[in-house]
Structure formats: structure tokens, C-alpha cells
């Protein structure tokens, strides 16, 4: 498993976008650091970093803890053959409307294997289910599980698919942890929350 090196911290999404502008076409890996909310330090969020990565044709991967108040995630250029989840396809559409997508990100998106993406994103989404291990972890937090069950079936399906569609085990666990955390706080996950 890769060891985090040269971790960079960004206070705002704009700062990270500037970094991508200068480095997206020649850097092969970058660990991005995040301060947790209880640290009191300004920091971009995971969703903000994923959005910027999509714009420039990059993708998030492994997450590792730095210490009690920080964690880091490895970002790399997206491979032309990589799968596109329904969530990311939806995000790209929203980012295009906002005029944020760059030509590199758009090229990868437009040249994706649409048949493969459709199968990956929709056929398997009709009745997604957590593995026994993930379900046990979720149910261990009773208040989070209760809130999740109170949401519409459509949200439950999309949130479940968002978790289980991750290719890497670390990403699945990270997404489940976010779903549990947000559910415990009685709120929807950011990628499925409509902006007002």
C-alpha cells in the first residue's frame, strides 16, 4: 500500500483548483490532506476535492489517517479505461453547468466506455445491497441506521450504491463511514444533497 508523501493542505476549493491548473498534466500522484472539523482549522472537504479532481480528469483513492485531527487521500490521474459511477456522471453534468469542467476532464468523460458505464451504473443499481460486513458496521450505529431507514427507498438505493460501487476496499470503508456519520447527524450525504 502506498505511503503518503508530500501531503498538501488546502483551505479552499479555489486553492486546490489553482494547484490542479499548474500540475494536473505532469504530476502522477498527490496526497491531499484534510483537517477534521473538530480541529478548528480551515480545510477543504472531501467532496470539494473530488469535484475539482473530476474537472481535471483525476480520481480519489486510498485514505489514510495522519493523526487525530487529520487524514489524507491519494489522488491520481484517471485512467481512460476506468469505470464511471452514476454519482460521478451526475456530478460531471452539474460541474459542466457551472462551467467548471476543464478540457482534460471532459475528454476523459466523453471518451468513457458508455456501455460499460451504463452496465456499471444502472444494471447493478436496481437492487444494491451492503455486504454482511458493511451492513454489520452500519447497524452498529443504531441512530444512524434508524435515520437511514427513514429516508425514501430511492435515497437508500443511491446511497448504498455510492458505497458499494467503489472499486477499492479503502474507498468503500471511507464512504460508509461518511454515510454513517451523516446519518447519525440526520442529514443526507453531500453527493445526494440538493444545493439550495
N, C-alpha and C. Protein backbone atom coordinates (compact mmCIF):
# COMPACT_ATOMS: atom_id res chain seq x y z
N UNK A 1 0.85 -1.19 0.00
CA UNK A 1 0.00 0.00 0.00
C UNK A 1 0.89 1.24 0.00
N UNK A 2 0.59 2.23 -0.86
CA UNK A 2 1.42 3.43 -0.95
C UNK A 2 1.51 4.18 0.37
N UNK A 3 2.68 4.76 0.61
CA UNK A 3 2.88 5.56 1.81
C UNK A 3 2.71 7.03 1.47
N UNK A 4 1.89 7.78 2.23
CA UNK A 4 1.69 9.20 1.95
C UNK A 4 2.99 9.99 1.96
N UNK A 5 3.23 10.76 0.93
CA UNK A 5 4.40 11.63 0.85
C UNK A 5 3.96 12.99 0.34
N UNK A 6 4.67 14.02 0.76
CA UNK A 6 4.41 15.38 0.28
C UNK A 6 2.92 15.73 0.36
N UNK A 7 2.34 15.57 1.54
CA UNK A 7 0.92 15.88 1.73
C UNK A 7 0.69 17.38 1.63
N UNK A 8 -0.26 17.78 0.81
CA UNK A 8 -0.60 19.20 0.66
C UNK A 8 -1.97 19.48 1.27
N UNK A 9 -2.06 20.61 1.98
CA UNK A 9 -3.32 21.01 2.61
C UNK A 9 -3.83 22.28 1.93
N UNK A 10 -5.12 22.31 1.67
CA UNK A 10 -5.73 23.46 1.02
C UNK A 10 -6.89 23.98 1.87
N UNK A 11 -6.94 25.29 2.02
CA UNK A 11 -8.00 25.89 2.83
C UNK A 11 -9.31 26.00 2.05
N UNK A 12 -9.20 26.20 0.76
CA UNK A 12 -10.39 26.40 -0.06
C UNK A 12 -10.34 25.58 -1.35
N UNK A 13 -11.50 25.42 -1.94
CA UNK A 13 -11.60 24.71 -3.22
C UNK A 13 -10.84 25.47 -4.30
N UNK A 14 -10.85 26.80 -4.21
CA UNK A 14 -10.15 27.63 -5.20
C UNK A 14 -8.65 27.38 -5.17
N UNK A 15 -8.10 27.20 -3.97
CA UNK A 15 -6.66 26.93 -3.84
C UNK A 15 -6.31 25.60 -4.50
N UNK A 16 -7.14 24.60 -4.28
CA UNK A 16 -6.89 23.29 -4.88
C UNK A 16 -7.01 23.38 -6.40
N UNK A 17 -7.97 24.14 -6.87
CA UNK A 17 -8.14 24.29 -8.32
C UNK A 17 -6.90 24.92 -8.95
N UNK A 18 -6.30 25.89 -8.26
CA UNK A 18 -5.08 26.51 -8.75
C UNK A 18 -3.95 25.48 -8.85
N UNK A 19 -3.90 24.58 -7.86
CA UNK A 19 -2.87 23.54 -7.87
C UNK A 19 -3.07 22.63 -9.08
N UNK A 20 -4.31 22.22 -9.32
CA UNK A 20 -4.60 21.36 -10.47
C UNK A 20 -4.27 22.07 -11.78
N UNK A 21 -4.56 23.36 -11.86
CA UNK A 21 -4.26 24.13 -13.08
C UNK A 21 -2.78 24.02 -13.43
N UNK A 22 -1.93 24.08 -12.40
CA UNK A 22 -0.48 24.08 -12.62
C UNK A 22 0.12 22.68 -12.74
N UNK A 23 -0.53 21.68 -12.15
CA UNK A 23 0.12 20.38 -12.02
C UNK A 23 -0.59 19.17 -12.61
N UNK A 24 -1.84 19.32 -13.04
CA UNK A 24 -2.62 18.14 -13.42
C UNK A 24 -2.02 17.34 -14.57
N UNK A 25 -1.25 18.01 -15.44
CA UNK A 25 -0.77 17.34 -16.65
C UNK A 25 0.61 16.70 -16.53
N UNK A 26 1.28 16.87 -15.38
CA UNK A 26 2.60 16.25 -15.25
C UNK A 26 2.85 15.54 -13.93
N UNK A 27 2.06 15.80 -12.91
CA UNK A 27 2.20 15.10 -11.64
C UNK A 27 1.42 13.78 -11.72
N UNK A 28 1.98 12.70 -11.23
CA UNK A 28 1.35 11.39 -11.32
C UNK A 28 0.64 10.95 -10.04
N UNK A 29 0.87 11.66 -8.97
CA UNK A 29 0.25 11.30 -7.69
C UNK A 29 0.33 12.49 -6.75
N UNK A 30 -0.73 12.72 -5.98
CA UNK A 30 -0.69 13.76 -4.96
C UNK A 30 -1.56 13.37 -3.78
N UNK A 31 -0.96 13.39 -2.60
CA UNK A 31 -1.72 13.15 -1.37
C UNK A 31 -2.25 14.49 -0.88
N UNK A 32 -3.56 14.59 -0.73
CA UNK A 32 -4.20 15.82 -0.26
C UNK A 32 -4.63 15.61 1.19
N UNK A 33 -4.28 16.57 2.03
CA UNK A 33 -4.59 16.46 3.45
C UNK A 33 -5.84 17.23 3.83
N UNK A 34 -6.50 16.76 4.88
CA UNK A 34 -7.74 17.37 5.37
C UNK A 34 -7.68 17.50 6.88
N UNK A 35 -8.12 18.65 7.38
CA UNK A 35 -8.28 18.82 8.82
C UNK A 35 -9.72 18.48 9.18
N UNK A 36 -9.89 17.68 10.21
CA UNK A 36 -11.24 17.34 10.64
C UNK A 36 -11.90 18.56 11.27
N UNK A 37 -13.23 18.56 11.27
CA UNK A 37 -13.98 19.72 11.76
C UNK A 37 -13.62 20.10 13.19
N UNK A 38 -13.40 19.09 14.03
CA UNK A 38 -13.11 19.40 15.44
C UNK A 38 -11.72 19.98 15.65
N UNK A 39 -10.90 20.04 14.58
CA UNK A 39 -9.56 20.63 14.71
C UNK A 39 -9.63 22.15 14.76
N UNK A 40 -10.73 22.70 14.22
CA UNK A 40 -10.89 24.15 14.21
C UNK A 40 -10.10 24.85 13.11
N UNK A 41 -9.42 24.08 12.26
CA UNK A 41 -8.61 24.67 11.20
C UNK A 41 -9.36 24.62 9.86
N UNK A 42 -9.22 25.69 9.07
CA UNK A 42 -9.92 25.72 7.78
C UNK A 42 -9.38 24.64 6.85
N UNK A 43 -10.27 23.99 6.13
CA UNK A 43 -9.86 22.91 5.25
C UNK A 43 -10.92 22.65 4.19
N UNK A 44 -10.48 22.26 3.01
CA UNK A 44 -11.43 21.82 2.00
C UNK A 44 -12.09 20.53 2.48
N UNK A 45 -13.22 20.21 1.90
CA UNK A 45 -13.90 18.96 2.24
C UNK A 45 -13.56 17.90 1.19
N UNK A 46 -13.86 16.66 1.52
CA UNK A 46 -13.61 15.58 0.58
C UNK A 46 -14.39 15.81 -0.71
N UNK A 47 -15.67 16.21 -0.61
CA UNK A 47 -16.49 16.41 -1.81
C UNK A 47 -15.93 17.53 -2.68
N UNK A 48 -15.45 18.60 -2.06
CA UNK A 48 -14.86 19.69 -2.83
C UNK A 48 -13.64 19.21 -3.62
N UNK A 49 -12.83 18.38 -2.99
CA UNK A 49 -11.63 17.89 -3.67
C UNK A 49 -11.99 16.93 -4.80
N UNK A 50 -13.01 16.10 -4.60
CA UNK A 50 -13.44 15.18 -5.65
C UNK A 50 -13.98 15.96 -6.85
N UNK A 51 -14.73 17.02 -6.59
CA UNK A 51 -15.28 17.83 -7.67
C UNK A 51 -14.15 18.43 -8.52
N UNK A 52 -13.13 18.97 -7.86
CA UNK A 52 -12.02 19.56 -8.60
C UNK A 52 -11.25 18.49 -9.36
N UNK A 53 -11.11 17.32 -8.76
CA UNK A 53 -10.42 16.21 -9.44
C UNK A 53 -11.17 15.82 -10.71
N UNK A 54 -12.49 15.74 -10.64
CA UNK A 54 -13.30 15.41 -11.81
C UNK A 54 -13.07 16.42 -12.93
N UNK A 55 -12.97 17.68 -12.57
CA UNK A 55 -12.80 18.74 -13.56
C UNK A 55 -11.53 18.55 -14.38
N UNK A 56 -10.49 18.03 -13.74
CA UNK A 56 -9.19 17.90 -14.41
C UNK A 56 -8.84 16.46 -14.80
N UNK A 57 -9.80 15.55 -14.66
CA UNK A 57 -9.54 14.18 -15.07
C UNK A 57 -8.76 13.36 -14.06
N UNK A 58 -8.90 13.69 -12.79
CA UNK A 58 -8.24 12.94 -11.72
C UNK A 58 -9.28 12.17 -10.92
N UNK A 59 -8.80 11.28 -10.04
CA UNK A 59 -9.71 10.45 -9.24
C UNK A 59 -9.13 10.24 -7.84
N UNK A 60 -10.01 10.15 -6.85
CA UNK A 60 -9.57 9.92 -5.48
C UNK A 60 -9.43 8.42 -5.23
N UNK A 61 -8.58 8.08 -4.26
CA UNK A 61 -8.34 6.67 -3.95
C UNK A 61 -8.19 6.39 -2.47
N UNK A 62 -7.04 5.88 -2.10
CA UNK A 62 -6.80 5.44 -0.73
C UNK A 62 -6.84 6.58 0.27
N UNK A 63 -7.46 6.33 1.41
CA UNK A 63 -7.47 7.28 2.52
C UNK A 63 -6.64 6.72 3.67
N UNK A 64 -5.85 7.60 4.31
CA UNK A 64 -5.06 7.19 5.47
C UNK A 64 -5.13 8.27 6.55
N UNK A 65 -5.09 7.84 7.78
CA UNK A 65 -5.10 8.77 8.91
C UNK A 65 -3.70 9.34 9.10
N UNK A 66 -3.63 10.63 9.41
CA UNK A 66 -2.35 11.28 9.71
C UNK A 66 -2.17 11.33 11.22
N UNK A 67 -3.19 11.86 11.89
CA UNK A 67 -3.25 11.86 13.35
C UNK A 67 -4.71 12.08 13.75
N UNK A 68 -4.96 12.38 15.01
CA UNK A 68 -6.35 12.51 15.48
C UNK A 68 -7.13 13.60 14.77
N UNK A 69 -6.43 14.63 14.31
CA UNK A 69 -7.14 15.75 13.70
C UNK A 69 -7.02 15.85 12.20
N UNK A 70 -6.28 14.89 11.58
CA UNK A 70 -6.04 15.00 10.14
C UNK A 70 -6.10 13.63 9.46
N UNK A 71 -6.43 13.67 8.17
CA UNK A 71 -6.33 12.47 7.34
C UNK A 71 -5.92 12.91 5.93
N UNK A 72 -5.53 11.96 5.11
CA UNK A 72 -5.08 12.28 3.76
C UNK A 72 -5.63 11.28 2.76
N UNK A 73 -5.84 11.73 1.53
CA UNK A 73 -6.35 10.88 0.46
C UNK A 73 -5.44 11.01 -0.76
N UNK A 74 -5.18 9.88 -1.39
CA UNK A 74 -4.32 9.84 -2.58
C UNK A 74 -5.14 10.13 -3.84
N UNK A 75 -4.69 11.10 -4.62
CA UNK A 75 -5.32 11.44 -5.89
C UNK A 75 -4.35 11.14 -7.04
N UNK A 76 -4.90 10.60 -8.12
CA UNK A 76 -4.09 10.27 -9.30
C UNK A 76 -4.88 10.59 -10.57
N UNK A 77 -4.18 10.74 -11.70
CA UNK A 77 -4.90 10.93 -12.97
C UNK A 77 -5.78 9.72 -13.25
N UNK A 78 -6.97 9.96 -13.72
CA UNK A 78 -7.90 8.86 -14.03
C UNK A 78 -7.44 8.14 -15.30
N UNK A 79 -7.50 6.82 -15.29
CA UNK A 79 -7.15 6.03 -16.46
C UNK A 79 -8.30 6.04 -17.47
N UNK A 80 -7.99 6.04 -18.77
CA UNK A 80 -9.06 6.06 -19.79
C UNK A 80 -10.04 4.90 -19.67
N UNK A 81 -9.57 3.78 -19.10
CA UNK A 81 -10.43 2.59 -19.01
C UNK A 81 -11.18 2.49 -17.68
N UNK A 82 -11.04 3.49 -16.83
CA UNK A 82 -11.67 3.40 -15.51
C UNK A 82 -13.19 3.50 -15.60
N UNK A 83 -13.86 2.90 -14.64
CA UNK A 83 -15.33 2.95 -14.59
C UNK A 83 -15.80 4.31 -14.08
N UNK A 84 -16.96 4.71 -14.54
CA UNK A 84 -17.58 5.95 -14.07
C UNK A 84 -18.85 5.58 -13.30
N UNK A 85 -18.88 5.93 -12.04
CA UNK A 85 -20.07 5.64 -11.23
C UNK A 85 -21.19 6.60 -11.60
N UNK A 86 -22.41 6.22 -11.28
CA UNK A 86 -23.56 7.08 -11.55
C UNK A 86 -23.42 8.41 -10.82
N UNK A 87 -22.87 8.36 -9.62
CA UNK A 87 -22.68 9.59 -8.84
C UNK A 87 -21.75 10.55 -9.57
N UNK A 88 -20.62 10.04 -10.07
CA UNK A 88 -19.67 10.91 -10.75
C UNK A 88 -20.20 11.41 -12.09
N UNK A 89 -20.98 10.59 -12.77
CA UNK A 89 -21.60 11.02 -14.03
C UNK A 89 -22.54 12.19 -13.75
N UNK A 90 -23.29 12.09 -12.67
CA UNK A 90 -24.20 13.16 -12.27
C UNK A 90 -23.42 14.41 -11.88
N UNK A 91 -22.31 14.23 -11.17
CA UNK A 91 -21.51 15.37 -10.73
C UNK A 91 -20.92 16.11 -11.93
N UNK A 92 -20.45 15.35 -12.92
CA UNK A 92 -19.87 15.98 -14.11
C UNK A 92 -20.91 16.86 -14.80
N UNK A 93 -22.14 16.37 -14.89
CA UNK A 93 -23.21 17.16 -15.51
C UNK A 93 -23.42 18.47 -14.76
N UNK A 94 -23.38 18.41 -13.44
CA UNK A 94 -23.56 19.61 -12.63
C UNK A 94 -22.37 20.56 -12.77
N UNK A 95 -21.17 19.99 -12.81
CA UNK A 95 -19.96 20.81 -12.95
C UNK A 95 -19.89 21.47 -14.33
N UNK A 96 -20.42 20.78 -15.35
CA UNK A 96 -20.47 21.36 -16.69
C UNK A 96 -21.39 22.57 -16.71
N UNK A 97 -22.54 22.45 -16.05
CA UNK A 97 -23.49 23.56 -15.99
C UNK A 97 -22.87 24.78 -15.32
N UNK A 98 -22.00 24.53 -14.35
CA UNK A 98 -21.34 25.61 -13.63
C UNK A 98 -20.13 26.16 -14.37
N UNK A 99 -19.79 25.52 -15.49
CA UNK A 99 -18.65 25.97 -16.28
C UNK A 99 -17.31 25.65 -15.65
N UNK A 100 -17.26 24.62 -14.83
CA UNK A 100 -16.03 24.29 -14.11
C UNK A 100 -15.21 23.17 -14.76
N UNK A 101 -15.83 22.37 -15.61
CA UNK A 101 -15.10 21.26 -16.23
C UNK A 101 -14.03 21.77 -17.19
N UNK A 102 -12.84 21.19 -17.10
CA UNK A 102 -11.74 21.54 -18.00
C UNK A 102 -11.70 20.54 -19.15
N UNK A 103 -10.98 20.89 -20.21
CA UNK A 103 -10.95 20.04 -21.40
C UNK A 103 -10.42 18.63 -21.10
N UNK A 104 -9.45 18.53 -20.17
CA UNK A 104 -8.89 17.22 -19.85
C UNK A 104 -9.93 16.32 -19.19
N UNK A 105 -10.68 16.90 -18.26
CA UNK A 105 -11.72 16.14 -17.59
C UNK A 105 -12.85 15.77 -18.53
N UNK A 106 -13.22 16.72 -19.39
CA UNK A 106 -14.30 16.47 -20.35
C UNK A 106 -13.91 15.40 -21.36
N UNK A 107 -12.64 15.42 -21.80
CA UNK A 107 -12.18 14.44 -22.78
C UNK A 107 -12.28 13.03 -22.22
N UNK A 108 -11.85 12.84 -20.98
CA UNK A 108 -11.94 11.53 -20.36
C UNK A 108 -13.39 11.09 -20.20
N UNK A 109 -14.23 12.06 -19.83
CA UNK A 109 -15.64 11.75 -19.62
C UNK A 109 -16.32 11.38 -20.94
N UNK A 110 -16.08 12.18 -21.98
CA UNK A 110 -16.73 11.95 -23.27
C UNK A 110 -16.24 10.66 -23.93
N UNK A 111 -15.00 10.28 -23.66
CA UNK A 111 -14.43 9.08 -24.29
C UNK A 111 -14.57 7.82 -23.44
N UNK A 112 -15.32 7.91 -22.35
CA UNK A 112 -15.52 6.74 -21.49
C UNK A 112 -16.28 5.66 -22.26
N UNK A 113 -16.16 4.44 -21.81
CA UNK A 113 -16.91 3.34 -22.41
C UNK A 113 -18.34 3.44 -21.89
N UNK A 114 -19.22 4.07 -22.68
CA UNK A 114 -20.58 4.33 -22.21
C UNK A 114 -21.35 3.04 -21.92
N UNK A 115 -21.12 2.01 -22.72
CA UNK A 115 -21.81 0.74 -22.48
C UNK A 115 -21.38 0.17 -21.13
N UNK A 116 -20.09 0.24 -20.89
CA UNK A 116 -19.55 -0.27 -19.63
C UNK A 116 -20.07 0.55 -18.46
N UNK A 117 -20.10 1.89 -18.65
CA UNK A 117 -20.58 2.77 -17.59
C UNK A 117 -22.06 2.53 -17.31
N UNK A 118 -22.84 2.33 -18.37
CA UNK A 118 -24.27 2.10 -18.19
C UNK A 118 -24.53 0.81 -17.42
N UNK A 119 -23.80 -0.24 -17.77
CA UNK A 119 -23.96 -1.50 -17.05
C UNK A 119 -23.55 -1.33 -15.60
N UNK A 120 -22.43 -0.67 -15.42
CA UNK A 120 -21.87 -0.47 -14.08
C UNK A 120 -22.78 0.40 -13.23
N UNK A 121 -23.35 1.43 -13.86
CA UNK A 121 -24.10 2.41 -13.10
C UNK A 121 -25.57 2.08 -12.89
N UNK A 122 -26.17 1.36 -13.82
CA UNK A 122 -27.61 1.17 -13.73
C UNK A 122 -28.07 -0.27 -13.50
N UNK A 123 -27.51 -1.22 -14.25
CA UNK A 123 -27.93 -2.61 -14.06
C UNK A 123 -27.70 -3.05 -12.62
N UNK A 124 -26.53 -2.69 -12.07
CA UNK A 124 -26.19 -3.12 -10.73
C UNK A 124 -26.83 -2.25 -9.65
N UNK A 125 -27.45 -1.16 -10.08
CA UNK A 125 -28.06 -0.25 -9.10
C UNK A 125 -29.50 -0.60 -8.78
N UNK A 126 -30.08 -1.51 -9.55
CA UNK A 126 -31.51 -1.77 -9.37
C UNK A 126 -31.84 -2.29 -7.97
N UNK A 127 -30.96 -3.08 -7.42
CA UNK A 127 -31.20 -3.60 -6.07
C UNK A 127 -29.87 -3.76 -5.33
N UNK A 128 -29.17 -2.64 -5.10
CA UNK A 128 -27.87 -2.72 -4.44
C UNK A 128 -28.01 -3.15 -2.98
N UNK A 129 -27.01 -3.81 -2.47
CA UNK A 129 -27.06 -4.27 -1.08
C UNK A 129 -25.66 -4.24 -0.47
N UNK A 130 -25.62 -3.88 0.81
CA UNK A 130 -24.35 -3.89 1.53
C UNK A 130 -23.89 -5.33 1.76
N UNK A 131 -22.60 -5.53 1.80
CA UNK A 131 -22.08 -6.84 2.17
C UNK A 131 -22.41 -7.07 3.65
N UNK A 132 -22.30 -8.29 4.10
CA UNK A 132 -22.59 -8.61 5.51
C UNK A 132 -21.74 -7.78 6.45
N UNK A 133 -20.47 -7.63 6.10
CA UNK A 133 -19.54 -6.86 6.95
C UNK A 133 -19.93 -5.40 7.03
N UNK A 134 -20.21 -4.78 5.87
CA UNK A 134 -20.57 -3.36 5.84
C UNK A 134 -21.91 -3.13 6.55
N UNK A 135 -22.85 -4.04 6.34
CA UNK A 135 -24.16 -3.90 6.97
C UNK A 135 -24.03 -3.98 8.49
N UNK A 136 -23.19 -4.86 8.97
CA UNK A 136 -22.97 -5.01 10.40
C UNK A 136 -22.37 -3.73 10.98
N UNK A 137 -21.44 -3.13 10.26
CA UNK A 137 -20.81 -1.88 10.71
C UNK A 137 -21.85 -0.76 10.78
N UNK A 138 -22.73 -0.71 9.77
CA UNK A 138 -23.74 0.35 9.72
C UNK A 138 -24.75 0.16 10.86
N UNK A 139 -25.24 -1.05 11.04
CA UNK A 139 -26.25 -1.32 12.06
C UNK A 139 -25.72 -1.14 13.48
N UNK A 140 -24.40 -1.17 13.62
CA UNK A 140 -23.80 -1.00 14.95
C UNK A 140 -24.09 0.39 15.50
N UNK A 141 -24.32 1.34 14.59
CA UNK A 141 -24.70 2.70 14.99
C UNK A 141 -26.22 2.79 14.83
N UNK A 142 -26.93 2.52 15.90
CA UNK A 142 -28.39 2.40 15.84
C UNK A 142 -29.09 3.68 15.37
N UNK A 143 -28.64 4.83 15.85
CA UNK A 143 -29.30 6.08 15.47
C UNK A 143 -29.08 6.38 13.99
N UNK A 144 -27.88 6.08 13.48
CA UNK A 144 -27.59 6.31 12.06
C UNK A 144 -28.42 5.37 11.19
N UNK A 145 -28.50 4.12 11.59
CA UNK A 145 -29.27 3.13 10.83
C UNK A 145 -30.76 3.47 10.82
N UNK A 146 -31.26 3.94 11.96
CA UNK A 146 -32.67 4.31 12.06
C UNK A 146 -32.98 5.47 11.12
N UNK A 147 -32.10 6.46 11.07
CA UNK A 147 -32.31 7.60 10.18
C UNK A 147 -32.27 7.15 8.72
N UNK A 148 -31.31 6.30 8.40
CA UNK A 148 -31.16 5.80 7.03
C UNK A 148 -32.44 5.10 6.57
N UNK A 149 -33.01 4.28 7.44
CA UNK A 149 -34.24 3.57 7.10
C UNK A 149 -35.44 4.50 6.97
N UNK A 150 -35.35 5.68 7.56
CA UNK A 150 -36.46 6.64 7.48
C UNK A 150 -36.47 7.40 6.15
N UNK A 151 -35.38 7.29 5.40
CA UNK A 151 -35.28 8.01 4.13
C UNK A 151 -36.01 7.25 3.02
N UNK A 152 -36.38 7.93 1.95
CA UNK A 152 -37.08 7.27 0.84
C UNK A 152 -36.25 6.14 0.25
N UNK A 153 -36.90 5.11 -0.28
CA UNK A 153 -36.19 3.98 -0.90
C UNK A 153 -35.19 4.42 -1.97
N UNK A 154 -35.54 5.46 -2.72
CA UNK A 154 -34.64 5.93 -3.79
C UNK A 154 -33.32 6.42 -3.20
N UNK A 155 -33.41 7.14 -2.08
CA UNK A 155 -32.18 7.62 -1.43
C UNK A 155 -31.38 6.45 -0.88
N UNK A 156 -32.06 5.49 -0.27
CA UNK A 156 -31.37 4.32 0.28
C UNK A 156 -30.62 3.58 -0.82
N UNK A 157 -31.26 3.41 -1.98
CA UNK A 157 -30.61 2.71 -3.08
C UNK A 157 -29.39 3.46 -3.59
N UNK A 158 -29.54 4.77 -3.78
CA UNK A 158 -28.44 5.56 -4.32
C UNK A 158 -27.28 5.66 -3.34
N UNK A 159 -27.60 5.82 -2.06
CA UNK A 159 -26.54 5.90 -1.05
C UNK A 159 -25.82 4.57 -0.91
N UNK A 160 -26.59 3.48 -0.95
CA UNK A 160 -25.98 2.15 -0.87
C UNK A 160 -25.07 1.92 -2.07
N UNK A 161 -25.57 2.27 -3.25
CA UNK A 161 -24.77 2.08 -4.46
C UNK A 161 -23.51 2.93 -4.42
N UNK A 162 -23.62 4.15 -3.90
CA UNK A 162 -22.46 5.04 -3.78
C UNK A 162 -21.36 4.37 -2.96
N UNK A 163 -21.76 3.68 -1.91
CA UNK A 163 -20.77 3.00 -1.05
C UNK A 163 -20.19 1.77 -1.75
N UNK A 164 -21.05 0.88 -2.21
CA UNK A 164 -20.56 -0.41 -2.71
C UNK A 164 -19.95 -0.34 -4.11
N UNK A 165 -20.19 0.75 -4.84
CA UNK A 165 -19.65 0.85 -6.20
C UNK A 165 -18.17 1.22 -6.21
N UNK A 166 -17.63 1.64 -5.08
CA UNK A 166 -16.21 1.97 -5.01
C UNK A 166 -15.39 0.72 -5.31
N UNK A 167 -14.35 0.88 -6.11
CA UNK A 167 -13.55 -0.28 -6.52
C UNK A 167 -12.61 -0.75 -5.41
N UNK A 168 -12.08 0.19 -4.64
CA UNK A 168 -11.11 -0.17 -3.61
C UNK A 168 -11.79 -0.31 -2.25
N UNK A 169 -11.31 -1.26 -1.48
CA UNK A 169 -11.86 -1.52 -0.16
C UNK A 169 -11.78 -0.29 0.72
N UNK A 170 -10.64 0.42 0.66
CA UNK A 170 -10.45 1.61 1.49
C UNK A 170 -11.49 2.67 1.16
N UNK A 171 -11.80 2.82 -0.13
CA UNK A 171 -12.78 3.81 -0.54
C UNK A 171 -14.18 3.43 -0.07
N UNK A 172 -14.51 2.14 -0.16
CA UNK A 172 -15.81 1.67 0.33
C UNK A 172 -15.97 1.99 1.81
N UNK A 173 -14.93 1.70 2.59
CA UNK A 173 -15.00 1.94 4.03
C UNK A 173 -15.11 3.43 4.33
N UNK A 174 -14.37 4.25 3.57
CA UNK A 174 -14.43 5.69 3.79
C UNK A 174 -15.82 6.22 3.49
N UNK A 175 -16.41 5.74 2.40
CA UNK A 175 -17.76 6.19 2.03
C UNK A 175 -18.79 5.72 3.06
N UNK A 176 -18.63 4.49 3.54
CA UNK A 176 -19.56 4.00 4.55
C UNK A 176 -19.44 4.83 5.82
N UNK A 177 -18.22 5.17 6.20
CA UNK A 177 -18.01 5.98 7.40
C UNK A 177 -18.68 7.34 7.26
N UNK A 178 -18.61 7.91 6.05
CA UNK A 178 -19.27 9.20 5.84
C UNK A 178 -20.78 9.05 5.89
N UNK A 179 -21.30 7.98 5.29
CA UNK A 179 -22.75 7.74 5.31
C UNK A 179 -23.23 7.57 6.75
N UNK A 180 -22.49 6.83 7.54
CA UNK A 180 -22.86 6.62 8.94
C UNK A 180 -22.81 7.93 9.71
N UNK A 181 -21.74 8.68 9.50
CA UNK A 181 -21.57 9.96 10.20
C UNK A 181 -22.69 10.93 9.86
N UNK A 182 -23.00 11.06 8.57
CA UNK A 182 -24.06 11.98 8.15
C UNK A 182 -25.43 11.50 8.63
N UNK A 183 -25.66 10.20 8.58
CA UNK A 183 -26.94 9.65 9.04
C UNK A 183 -27.12 9.88 10.54
N UNK A 184 -26.04 9.74 11.28
CA UNK A 184 -26.11 9.97 12.72
C UNK A 184 -26.48 11.42 13.02
N UNK A 185 -26.04 12.33 12.14
CA UNK A 185 -26.34 13.75 12.29
C UNK A 185 -27.66 14.11 11.61
N UNK A 186 -28.37 13.08 11.13
CA UNK A 186 -29.68 13.25 10.49
C UNK A 186 -29.60 14.16 9.27
N UNK A 187 -28.65 13.84 8.40
CA UNK A 187 -28.53 14.60 7.16
C UNK A 187 -28.10 13.65 6.04
N UNK A 188 -28.40 14.05 4.81
CA UNK A 188 -28.04 13.22 3.66
C UNK A 188 -26.57 13.43 3.30
N UNK A 189 -25.99 12.46 2.59
CA UNK A 189 -24.60 12.60 2.19
C UNK A 189 -24.49 13.72 1.16
N UNK A 190 -23.37 14.46 1.14
CA UNK A 190 -23.23 15.63 0.26
C UNK A 190 -23.52 15.36 -1.21
N UNK A 191 -23.07 14.22 -1.73
CA UNK A 191 -23.26 13.95 -3.16
C UNK A 191 -24.72 13.75 -3.54
N UNK A 192 -25.58 13.52 -2.56
CA UNK A 192 -27.01 13.35 -2.83
C UNK A 192 -27.84 14.45 -2.20
N UNK A 193 -27.18 15.53 -1.82
CA UNK A 193 -27.87 16.66 -1.20
C UNK A 193 -28.05 17.77 -2.23
N UNK A 194 -29.26 18.17 -2.44
CA UNK A 194 -29.53 19.24 -3.40
C UNK A 194 -29.08 20.57 -2.84
N UNK A 195 -28.36 21.31 -3.70
CA UNK A 195 -27.92 22.64 -3.28
C UNK A 195 -29.08 23.62 -3.37
N UNK A 196 -29.20 24.43 -2.34
CA UNK A 196 -30.30 25.41 -2.31
C UNK A 196 -29.91 26.68 -3.03
